[in-house]
């Protein structure tokens, strides 16, 4: 899956990305800085990080995720 975010100014925030199926992979390539928001109560399409913090995204970096059996996005390291 390809997620393309087009913004003209400022940073972006992602809180939800609805997957089509469990096990789906998603690559986010950030052309500008932003934040991928951690959710305290994970649900389908949300991003969940073990450290309980939002993920600060650097410009020019790529981030890869996969959904678990509950369709919650988990970062691949």
Foldseek 3Di string as FASTA:
>chain_A
DEDDDDDDDDADEAFFDADPAAFDKYKYQAQAKYKYAADPDDAAGGEHDPVNGIDTGHHGDMWMWGGHRRNYTYTDD
